Amino acid sequence: MNPSPKPTQIADDVVVSLAYTLSVNGAVVDSSDESNPVVFLQGYGNIIPGLERELYGLHVGDEKHIVVQPRDGYGEVDPDAIMRIPKEEFPPQIPLVTGVELEVRDMEGNILHATIVGVDDEAVTLDFNHPLAGQELVFDVKVVDLREATEEELRHGHVHEAGMEEEEFLPGDEEE
C-alpha cells in the first residue's frame, strides 16, 4: 500500500505546524518560532476561528499577516462576566490586588479563570472574560509543515504529537 501524498496546502483534516507572533495594541503577547511551532488539526476549532479561517489554502513556507476582530477571536467583553464578590469570601492567602489572576471553581466544580480588576473596602471585582476579549489580534504567521492527520487524530479532533500532553493547549485555547 502506497502512503498518501503529503498535503500541499492547508485544508480541513490537515495537521498544520505554524510559527506565529501574536500582537495586541502593538505589543507581542505570544509567539512560537519555526523550531517549536504550534501544531493543530485544521477545521476542528483547535485555534480561534478568525485565525483558522485565514489559513485555508496556504502552503509550506507561506507567510501571512492576519488581523482578527474580537468577534472572531476571544469575543467581545461581556459585562455579565464581571462580578463583585464580598471580601470575606476570599481566603487570607490570596493577595487582593488589581491584576492578580485567579482560578476559581463554580458550583459544578468547573475551574474558571478570573482577574481582579478592582478592590474596595467591601468587595473584590472579578473579571471572568478572557484576558484578550474585546481586543483586535494581529498574527504574523509562517506555515512550517503540513501532514496528513491520522485516523485517531480525526476521531479525537486534535493532534496526537509525540511528547504532546493530551491536554496541552494551543493558541485560542488559553484560559477558555
N, C-alpha and C. Protein backbone atom coordinates (compact mmCIF):
# COMPACT_ATOMS: atom_id res chain seq x y z
N MET A 1 0.85 -1.19 0.00
CA MET A 1 0.00 0.00 0.00
C MET A 1 0.89 1.24 0.00
N ASN A 2 0.63 2.14 -0.91
CA ASN A 2 1.41 3.37 -1.00
C ASN A 2 0.94 4.37 0.04
N PRO A 3 1.90 5.07 0.67
CA PRO A 3 1.47 6.11 1.62
C PRO A 3 0.77 7.23 0.86
N SER A 4 -0.14 7.88 1.56
CA SER A 4 -0.86 9.00 0.95
C SER A 4 0.12 10.14 0.69
N PRO A 5 -0.13 10.90 -0.38
CA PRO A 5 0.76 12.04 -0.64
C PRO A 5 0.64 13.08 0.46
N LYS A 6 1.74 13.77 0.73
CA LYS A 6 1.74 14.81 1.74
C LYS A 6 0.87 15.97 1.25
N PRO A 7 0.03 16.53 2.13
CA PRO A 7 -0.80 17.67 1.72
C PRO A 7 0.08 18.83 1.25
N THR A 8 -0.41 19.56 0.25
CA THR A 8 0.36 20.68 -0.27
C THR A 8 -0.17 22.03 0.20
N GLN A 9 -1.39 22.04 0.74
CA GLN A 9 -1.94 23.30 1.25
C GLN A 9 -2.84 23.03 2.43
N ILE A 10 -3.09 24.08 3.21
CA ILE A 10 -3.92 23.95 4.40
C ILE A 10 -5.38 23.76 3.99
N ALA A 11 -5.96 22.68 4.49
CA ALA A 11 -7.36 22.34 4.26
C ALA A 11 -7.85 21.60 5.50
N ASP A 12 -9.15 21.36 5.58
CA ASP A 12 -9.69 20.58 6.69
C ASP A 12 -9.00 19.23 6.76
N ASP A 13 -8.84 18.72 7.97
CA ASP A 13 -8.24 17.41 8.25
C ASP A 13 -6.73 17.35 8.03
N VAL A 14 -6.08 18.50 7.85
CA VAL A 14 -4.63 18.55 7.68
C VAL A 14 -4.01 19.02 9.00
N VAL A 15 -2.91 18.37 9.41
CA VAL A 15 -2.17 18.80 10.59
C VAL A 15 -1.21 19.90 10.14
N VAL A 16 -1.32 21.05 10.79
CA VAL A 16 -0.55 22.24 10.44
C VAL A 16 0.47 22.52 11.53
N SER A 17 1.72 22.79 11.11
CA SER A 17 2.76 23.29 12.02
C SER A 17 2.94 24.76 11.66
N LEU A 18 2.73 25.64 12.64
CA LEU A 18 2.68 27.07 12.37
C LEU A 18 3.56 27.85 13.35
N ALA A 19 4.44 28.66 12.79
CA ALA A 19 5.17 29.64 13.61
C ALA A 19 4.34 30.91 13.60
N TYR A 20 4.24 31.58 14.74
CA TYR A 20 3.40 32.78 14.79
C TYR A 20 3.91 33.76 15.82
N THR A 21 3.53 35.00 15.60
CA THR A 21 3.68 36.05 16.61
C THR A 21 2.32 36.70 16.74
N LEU A 22 1.85 36.80 17.97
CA LEU A 22 0.56 37.44 18.26
C LEU A 22 0.85 38.76 18.95
N SER A 23 0.31 39.85 18.37
CA SER A 23 0.46 41.18 18.96
C SER A 23 -0.91 41.77 19.24
N VAL A 24 -0.99 42.53 20.32
CA VAL A 24 -2.19 43.26 20.69
C VAL A 24 -1.76 44.68 21.02
N ASN A 25 -2.37 45.64 20.37
CA ASN A 25 -2.02 47.05 20.57
C ASN A 25 -0.52 47.30 20.39
N GLY A 26 0.08 46.61 19.41
CA GLY A 26 1.49 46.81 19.09
C GLY A 26 2.47 46.07 19.98
N ALA A 27 1.99 45.37 21.00
CA ALA A 27 2.88 44.64 21.91
C ALA A 27 2.74 43.14 21.64
N VAL A 28 3.87 42.43 21.55
CA VAL A 28 3.86 40.98 21.37
C VAL A 28 3.39 40.33 22.67
N VAL A 29 2.35 39.49 22.57
CA VAL A 29 1.83 38.81 23.75
C VAL A 29 2.07 37.30 23.72
N ASP A 30 2.42 36.75 22.56
CA ASP A 30 2.70 35.33 22.46
C ASP A 30 3.40 35.06 21.14
N SER A 31 4.21 34.00 21.11
CA SER A 31 4.86 33.63 19.85
C SER A 31 5.34 32.20 19.93
N SER A 32 5.57 31.64 18.76
CA SER A 32 6.12 30.31 18.61
C SER A 32 6.96 30.34 17.34
N ASP A 33 8.24 29.98 17.45
CA ASP A 33 9.11 30.09 16.27
C ASP A 33 9.12 28.79 15.46
N GLU A 34 9.89 28.81 14.37
CA GLU A 34 9.91 27.66 13.46
C GLU A 34 10.49 26.41 14.11
N SER A 35 11.35 26.56 15.11
CA SER A 35 11.93 25.39 15.76
C SER A 35 10.97 24.76 16.77
N ASN A 36 9.94 25.49 17.15
CA ASN A 36 8.96 24.99 18.11
C ASN A 36 7.57 25.50 17.71
N PRO A 37 7.11 25.11 16.51
CA PRO A 37 5.82 25.64 16.05
C PRO A 37 4.64 25.06 16.82
N VAL A 38 3.52 25.76 16.76
CA VAL A 38 2.29 25.21 17.31
C VAL A 38 1.76 24.23 16.25
N VAL A 39 1.23 23.10 16.71
CA VAL A 39 0.76 22.06 15.80
C VAL A 39 -0.71 21.80 16.12
N PHE A 40 -1.57 21.84 15.09
CA PHE A 40 -3.00 21.68 15.31
C PHE A 40 -3.66 21.04 14.10
N LEU A 41 -4.88 20.59 14.29
CA LEU A 41 -5.68 19.97 13.24
C LEU A 41 -6.62 21.01 12.67
N GLN A 42 -6.42 21.35 11.41
CA GLN A 42 -7.22 22.38 10.75
C GLN A 42 -8.67 21.94 10.60
N GLY A 43 -9.58 22.87 10.87
CA GLY A 43 -11.00 22.63 10.67
C GLY A 43 -11.73 22.06 11.87
N TYR A 44 -11.04 21.96 13.02
CA TYR A 44 -11.64 21.36 14.20
C TYR A 44 -11.77 22.33 15.37
N GLY A 45 -11.55 23.62 15.11
CA GLY A 45 -11.70 24.60 16.17
C GLY A 45 -10.60 24.53 17.22
N ASN A 46 -9.43 23.98 16.86
CA ASN A 46 -8.32 23.90 17.81
C ASN A 46 -7.70 25.27 18.06
N ILE A 47 -7.91 26.21 17.16
CA ILE A 47 -7.42 27.58 17.31
C ILE A 47 -8.61 28.52 17.11
N ILE A 48 -8.41 29.80 17.39
CA ILE A 48 -9.54 30.74 17.29
C ILE A 48 -10.06 30.79 15.84
N PRO A 49 -11.37 30.98 15.68
CA PRO A 49 -11.99 30.90 14.36
C PRO A 49 -11.43 31.87 13.32
N GLY A 50 -11.15 33.09 13.72
CA GLY A 50 -10.67 34.08 12.76
C GLY A 50 -9.31 33.74 12.19
N LEU A 51 -8.45 33.13 13.00
CA LEU A 51 -7.14 32.70 12.51
C LEU A 51 -7.29 31.46 11.64
N GLU A 52 -8.04 30.49 12.11
CA GLU A 52 -8.22 29.26 11.36
C GLU A 52 -8.75 29.54 9.95
N ARG A 53 -9.74 30.39 9.84
CA ARG A 53 -10.37 30.71 8.55
C ARG A 53 -9.36 31.31 7.57
N GLU A 54 -8.44 32.14 8.07
CA GLU A 54 -7.49 32.83 7.20
C GLU A 54 -6.32 31.95 6.74
N LEU A 55 -6.20 30.76 7.30
CA LEU A 55 -5.09 29.88 6.94
C LEU A 55 -5.38 28.98 5.75
N TYR A 56 -6.66 28.77 5.42
CA TYR A 56 -7.00 27.88 4.31
C TYR A 56 -6.26 28.29 3.04
N GLY A 57 -5.71 27.28 2.36
CA GLY A 57 -5.04 27.50 1.08
C GLY A 57 -3.57 27.84 1.17
N LEU A 58 -3.05 28.13 2.36
CA LEU A 58 -1.62 28.45 2.48
C LEU A 58 -0.79 27.18 2.31
N HIS A 59 0.44 27.36 1.82
CA HIS A 59 1.38 26.27 1.58
C HIS A 59 2.56 26.38 2.54
N VAL A 60 3.35 25.31 2.66
CA VAL A 60 4.56 25.34 3.47
C VAL A 60 5.45 26.47 2.98
N GLY A 61 5.93 27.28 3.92
CA GLY A 61 6.78 28.43 3.60
C GLY A 61 6.02 29.73 3.45
N ASP A 62 4.70 29.65 3.25
CA ASP A 62 3.90 30.88 3.11
C ASP A 62 3.89 31.64 4.43
N GLU A 63 3.91 32.96 4.31
CA GLU A 63 3.79 33.86 5.46
C GLU A 63 2.59 34.75 5.23
N LYS A 64 1.92 35.12 6.32
CA LYS A 64 0.72 35.96 6.19
C LYS A 64 0.55 36.81 7.44
N HIS A 65 0.10 38.03 7.23
CA HIS A 65 -0.27 38.97 8.29
C HIS A 65 -1.79 38.90 8.41
N ILE A 66 -2.28 38.54 9.59
CA ILE A 66 -3.72 38.32 9.78
C ILE A 66 -4.21 39.16 10.94
N VAL A 67 -5.27 39.93 10.71
CA VAL A 67 -5.90 40.71 11.77
C VAL A 67 -7.24 40.06 12.09
N VAL A 68 -7.42 39.71 13.36
CA VAL A 68 -8.64 39.03 13.81
C VAL A 68 -9.41 39.98 14.73
N GLN A 69 -10.65 40.25 14.37
CA GLN A 69 -11.51 41.10 15.18
C GLN A 69 -12.02 40.31 16.40
N PRO A 70 -12.40 41.01 17.47
CA PRO A 70 -12.83 40.33 18.70
C PRO A 70 -13.89 39.25 18.48
N ARG A 71 -14.86 39.50 17.62
CA ARG A 71 -15.95 38.51 17.43
C ARG A 71 -15.42 37.19 16.87
N ASP A 72 -14.27 37.21 16.18
CA ASP A 72 -13.67 36.00 15.62
C ASP A 72 -12.46 35.53 16.41
N GLY A 73 -12.23 36.17 17.57
CA GLY A 73 -11.12 35.80 18.44
C GLY A 73 -11.65 35.29 19.76
N TYR A 74 -11.50 36.12 20.78
CA TYR A 74 -11.95 35.73 22.12
C TYR A 74 -13.26 36.39 22.50
N GLY A 75 -13.93 36.98 21.53
CA GLY A 75 -15.23 37.58 21.76
C GLY A 75 -15.14 38.99 22.31
N GLU A 76 -16.29 39.62 22.37
CA GLU A 76 -16.39 40.96 22.96
C GLU A 76 -16.39 40.81 24.48
N VAL A 77 -16.11 41.89 25.17
CA VAL A 77 -16.17 41.87 26.63
C VAL A 77 -17.64 41.74 27.04
N ASP A 78 -17.91 40.76 27.90
CA ASP A 78 -19.26 40.50 28.39
C ASP A 78 -19.39 41.15 29.77
N PRO A 79 -20.19 42.22 29.88
CA PRO A 79 -20.32 42.88 31.18
C PRO A 79 -20.89 41.96 32.27
N ASP A 80 -21.64 40.92 31.87
CA ASP A 80 -22.19 39.98 32.85
C ASP A 80 -21.12 39.06 33.43
N ALA A 81 -19.93 39.06 32.83
CA ALA A 81 -18.83 38.22 33.32
C ALA A 81 -17.94 38.98 34.30
N ILE A 82 -18.39 40.15 34.72
CA ILE A 82 -17.67 40.95 35.72
C ILE A 82 -18.55 40.97 36.97
N MET A 83 -17.97 40.51 38.09
CA MET A 83 -18.77 40.35 39.30
C MET A 83 -18.07 40.91 40.53
N ARG A 84 -18.89 41.44 41.43
CA ARG A 84 -18.39 41.90 42.74
C ARG A 84 -18.65 40.79 43.76
N ILE A 85 -17.58 40.40 44.46
CA ILE A 85 -17.66 39.33 45.45
C ILE A 85 -17.24 39.93 46.80
N PRO A 86 -18.01 39.68 47.86
CA PRO A 86 -17.62 40.20 49.18
C PRO A 86 -16.21 39.75 49.56
N LYS A 87 -15.43 40.66 50.13
CA LYS A 87 -14.04 40.38 50.51
C LYS A 87 -13.92 39.17 51.43
N GLU A 88 -14.88 38.99 52.33
CA GLU A 88 -14.77 37.90 53.30
C GLU A 88 -14.85 36.51 52.66
N GLU A 89 -15.25 36.43 51.39
CA GLU A 89 -15.31 35.13 50.71
C GLU A 89 -13.94 34.68 50.19
N PHE A 90 -12.93 35.54 50.29
CA PHE A 90 -11.59 35.20 49.80
C PHE A 90 -10.72 34.71 50.94
N PRO A 91 -9.99 33.61 50.71
CA PRO A 91 -9.04 33.14 51.74
C PRO A 91 -7.97 34.20 51.98
N PRO A 92 -7.44 34.27 53.18
CA PRO A 92 -6.46 35.32 53.52
C PRO A 92 -5.16 35.25 52.72
N GLN A 93 -4.80 34.08 52.19
CA GLN A 93 -3.54 33.96 51.46
C GLN A 93 -3.61 34.54 50.03
N ILE A 94 -4.80 34.87 49.56
CA ILE A 94 -4.92 35.44 48.22
C ILE A 94 -4.69 36.95 48.29
N PRO A 95 -3.69 37.45 47.53
CA PRO A 95 -3.46 38.90 47.53
C PRO A 95 -4.58 39.60 46.76
N LEU A 96 -5.30 40.44 47.44
CA LEU A 96 -6.42 41.15 46.82
C LEU A 96 -5.89 42.44 46.21
N VAL A 97 -5.26 42.27 45.04
CA VAL A 97 -4.61 43.37 44.34
C VAL A 97 -5.04 43.34 42.88
N THR A 98 -5.35 44.51 42.33
CA THR A 98 -5.73 44.60 40.93
C THR A 98 -4.65 43.98 40.05
N GLY A 99 -5.11 43.15 39.09
CA GLY A 99 -4.20 42.49 38.15
C GLY A 99 -3.89 41.05 38.51
N VAL A 100 -4.18 40.64 39.74
CA VAL A 100 -3.92 39.26 40.15
C VAL A 100 -4.89 38.33 39.40
N GLU A 101 -4.34 37.25 38.84
CA GLU A 101 -5.16 36.26 38.14
C GLU A 101 -5.43 35.09 39.07
N LEU A 102 -6.67 34.62 39.07
CA LEU A 102 -7.10 33.55 39.96
C LEU A 102 -7.76 32.42 39.19
N GLU A 103 -7.73 31.23 39.78
CA GLU A 103 -8.56 30.13 39.31
C GLU A 103 -9.58 29.89 40.41
N VAL A 104 -10.84 29.88 40.03
CA VAL A 104 -11.91 29.65 40.99
C VAL A 104 -12.81 28.53 40.46
N ARG A 105 -13.50 27.87 41.36
CA ARG A 105 -14.42 26.80 40.96
C ARG A 105 -15.85 27.31 41.05
N ASP A 106 -16.65 26.95 40.04
CA ASP A 106 -18.06 27.31 40.09
C ASP A 106 -18.82 26.25 40.88
N MET A 107 -20.12 26.37 40.97
CA MET A 107 -20.95 25.46 41.77
C MET A 107 -20.87 24.01 41.28
N GLU A 108 -20.56 23.81 39.99
CA GLU A 108 -20.45 22.47 39.43
C GLU A 108 -19.03 21.91 39.53
N GLY A 109 -18.10 22.70 40.08
CA GLY A 109 -16.72 22.25 40.23
C GLY A 109 -15.81 22.58 39.06
N ASN A 110 -16.34 23.29 38.05
CA ASN A 110 -15.52 23.68 36.90
C ASN A 110 -14.55 24.78 37.29
N ILE A 111 -13.34 24.72 36.74
CA ILE A 111 -12.35 25.77 37.01
C ILE A 111 -12.58 26.93 36.06
N LEU A 112 -12.69 28.12 36.62
CA LEU A 112 -12.84 29.36 35.84
C LEU A 112 -11.65 30.25 36.13
N HIS A 113 -11.25 31.00 35.12
CA HIS A 113 -10.15 31.95 35.27
C HIS A 113 -10.73 33.35 35.43
N ALA A 114 -10.17 34.10 36.36
CA ALA A 114 -10.63 35.45 36.61
C ALA A 114 -9.45 36.34 36.93
N THR A 115 -9.64 37.63 36.68
CA THR A 115 -8.63 38.63 37.01
C THR A 115 -9.26 39.65 37.95
N ILE A 116 -8.55 40.00 39.01
CA ILE A 116 -9.04 41.05 39.91
C ILE A 116 -8.89 42.38 39.18
N VAL A 117 -10.02 43.06 39.00
CA VAL A 117 -9.99 44.36 38.31
C VAL A 117 -10.34 45.52 39.24
N GLY A 118 -10.68 45.21 40.48
CA GLY A 118 -10.97 46.27 41.43
C GLY A 118 -11.11 45.72 42.84
N VAL A 119 -10.70 46.55 43.80
CA VAL A 119 -10.81 46.18 45.22
C VAL A 119 -11.24 47.43 45.98
N ASP A 120 -12.26 47.29 46.83
CA ASP A 120 -12.63 48.39 47.71
C ASP A 120 -12.81 47.83 49.12
N ASP A 121 -13.34 48.61 50.03
CA ASP A 121 -13.45 48.18 51.42
C ASP A 121 -14.33 46.95 51.61
N GLU A 122 -15.35 46.78 50.77
CA GLU A 122 -16.31 45.69 50.96
C GLU A 122 -16.16 44.53 50.00
N ALA A 123 -15.70 44.78 48.78
CA ALA A 123 -15.76 43.73 47.76
C ALA A 123 -14.55 43.76 46.82
N VAL A 124 -14.43 42.64 46.13
CA VAL A 124 -13.41 42.47 45.09
C VAL A 124 -14.16 42.29 43.78
N THR A 125 -13.76 43.02 42.75
CA THR A 125 -14.40 42.89 41.45
C THR A 125 -13.55 41.96 40.59
N LEU A 126 -14.18 40.86 40.13
CA LEU A 126 -13.51 39.87 39.30
C LEU A 126 -14.04 39.95 37.88
N ASP A 127 -13.12 39.83 36.92
CA ASP A 127 -13.48 39.79 35.50
C ASP A 127 -13.21 38.38 35.00
N PHE A 128 -14.26 37.69 34.59
CA PHE A 128 -14.16 36.32 34.10
C PHE A 128 -14.01 36.26 32.58
N ASN A 129 -13.97 37.41 31.90
CA ASN A 129 -13.73 37.43 30.46
C ASN A 129 -12.32 36.93 30.18
N HIS A 130 -12.10 36.36 29.00
CA HIS A 130 -10.75 36.01 28.58
C HIS A 130 -9.93 37.30 28.58
N PRO A 131 -8.65 37.26 28.99
CA PRO A 131 -7.84 38.49 29.01
C PRO A 131 -7.75 39.20 27.66
N LEU A 132 -7.95 38.48 26.56
CA LEU A 132 -7.88 39.11 25.24
C LEU A 132 -9.26 39.40 24.65
N ALA A 133 -10.32 39.24 25.44
CA ALA A 133 -11.67 39.58 24.96
C ALA A 133 -11.72 41.06 24.62
N GLY A 134 -12.39 41.37 23.54
CA GLY A 134 -12.54 42.75 23.11
C GLY A 134 -11.34 43.32 22.39
N GLN A 135 -10.30 42.51 22.21
CA GLN A 135 -9.07 43.00 21.59
C GLN A 135 -8.96 42.56 20.12
N GLU A 136 -8.42 43.45 19.29
CA GLU A 136 -8.05 43.08 17.93
C GLU A 136 -6.72 42.33 18.03
N LEU A 137 -6.66 41.16 17.42
CA LEU A 137 -5.48 40.30 17.49
C LEU A 137 -4.74 40.36 16.15
N VAL A 138 -3.45 40.59 16.20
CA VAL A 138 -2.65 40.67 14.98
C VAL A 138 -1.65 39.51 14.98
N PHE A 139 -1.81 38.63 14.01
CA PHE A 139 -0.94 37.47 13.87
C PHE A 139 -0.04 37.64 12.66
N ASP A 140 1.23 37.33 12.83
CA ASP A 140 2.15 37.17 11.73
C ASP A 140 2.53 35.71 11.76
N VAL A 141 2.17 34.97 10.70
CA VAL A 141 2.33 33.53 10.71
C VAL A 141 3.22 33.06 9.57
N LYS A 142 3.81 31.89 9.76
CA LYS A 142 4.55 31.20 8.71
C LYS A 142 4.23 29.71 8.82
N VAL A 143 3.81 29.12 7.71
CA VAL A 143 3.50 27.70 7.68
C VAL A 143 4.82 26.94 7.62
N VAL A 144 5.08 26.14 8.65
CA VAL A 144 6.34 25.40 8.77
C VAL A 144 6.24 24.02 8.14
N ASP A 145 5.10 23.34 8.34
CA ASP A 145 4.95 22.00 7.79
C ASP A 145 3.47 21.64 7.72
N LEU A 146 3.16 20.69 6.86
CA LEU A 146 1.82 20.13 6.74
C LEU A 146 1.97 18.61 6.68
N ARG A 147 1.00 17.91 7.28
CA ARG A 147 0.98 16.46 7.14
C ARG A 147 -0.46 15.99 7.22
N GLU A 148 -0.67 14.78 6.74
CA GLU A 148 -1.99 14.17 6.82
C GLU A 148 -2.26 13.77 8.28
N ALA A 149 -3.49 13.94 8.72
CA ALA A 149 -3.87 13.53 10.08
C ALA A 149 -4.04 12.02 10.13
N THR A 150 -3.78 11.44 11.28
CA THR A 150 -4.04 10.01 11.46
C THR A 150 -5.54 9.81 11.69
N GLU A 151 -5.99 8.58 11.54
CA GLU A 151 -7.40 8.27 11.80
C GLU A 151 -7.78 8.60 13.25
N GLU A 152 -6.87 8.31 14.18
CA GLU A 152 -7.14 8.60 15.59
C GLU A 152 -7.27 10.11 15.82
N GLU A 153 -6.39 10.90 15.21
CA GLU A 153 -6.48 12.35 15.35
C GLU A 153 -7.80 12.87 14.80
N LEU A 154 -8.23 12.33 13.66
CA LEU A 154 -9.50 12.76 13.08
C LEU A 154 -10.67 12.38 13.99
N ARG A 155 -10.61 11.19 14.59
CA ARG A 155 -11.68 10.76 15.52
C ARG A 155 -11.73 11.65 16.75
N HIS A 156 -10.55 12.01 17.28
CA HIS A 156 -10.49 12.80 18.51
C HIS A 156 -10.58 14.30 18.26
N GLY A 157 -10.33 14.73 17.02
CA GLY A 157 -10.45 16.14 16.69
C GLY A 157 -9.28 17.02 17.10
N HIS A 158 -8.13 16.37 17.40
CA HIS A 158 -6.93 17.14 17.73
C HIS A 158 -5.69 16.29 17.47
N VAL A 159 -4.54 16.96 17.44
CA VAL A 159 -3.28 16.31 17.13
C VAL A 159 -2.80 15.47 18.30
N HIS A 160 -2.23 14.31 17.97
CA HIS A 160 -1.56 13.44 18.95
C HIS A 160 -0.09 13.42 18.57
N GLU A 161 0.60 14.45 18.94
CA GLU A 161 2.02 14.57 18.60
C GLU A 161 2.85 13.87 19.66
N ALA A 162 3.94 13.23 19.24
CA ALA A 162 4.83 12.57 20.19
C ALA A 162 5.30 13.59 21.22
N GLY A 163 5.16 13.23 22.50
CA GLY A 163 5.60 14.12 23.57
C GLY A 163 4.59 15.20 23.93
N MET A 164 3.50 15.31 23.19
CA MET A 164 2.49 16.35 23.48
C MET A 164 1.50 15.78 24.48
N GLU A 165 1.31 16.48 25.57
CA GLU A 165 0.34 16.04 26.57
C GLU A 165 -1.06 16.15 26.00
N GLU A 166 -1.93 15.25 26.40
CA GLU A 166 -3.32 15.22 25.90
C GLU A 166 -4.02 16.56 26.09
N GLU A 167 -3.76 17.25 27.20
CA GLU A 167 -4.46 18.50 27.50
C GLU A 167 -3.63 19.75 27.18
N GLU A 168 -2.52 19.60 26.43
CA GLU A 168 -1.72 20.79 26.11
C GLU A 168 -2.57 21.75 25.29
N PHE A 169 -2.44 23.03 25.54
CA PHE A 169 -3.28 23.98 24.83
C PHE A 169 -2.56 24.61 23.66
N LEU A 170 -3.37 25.14 22.75
CA LEU A 170 -2.91 25.76 21.52
C LEU A 170 -3.41 27.19 21.49
N PRO A 171 -2.91 28.02 20.59
CA PRO A 171 -3.41 29.40 20.55
C PRO A 171 -4.92 29.40 20.38
N GLY A 172 -5.60 30.11 21.21
CA GLY A 172 -7.04 30.09 21.17
C GLY A 172 -7.63 29.27 22.25
N ASP A 173 -6.86 28.35 22.84
CA ASP A 173 -7.35 27.53 23.93
C ASP A 173 -7.05 28.14 25.29
N GLU A 174 -6.05 29.00 25.34
CA GLU A 174 -5.62 29.50 26.63
C GLU A 174 -6.78 30.08 27.41
N GLU A 175 -6.90 29.62 28.60
CA GLU A 175 -7.81 30.17 29.59
C GLU A 175 -9.25 30.24 29.16
N GLU A 176 -9.66 29.38 28.28
CA GLU A 176 -11.06 29.39 27.89
C GLU A 176 -11.88 28.60 28.85
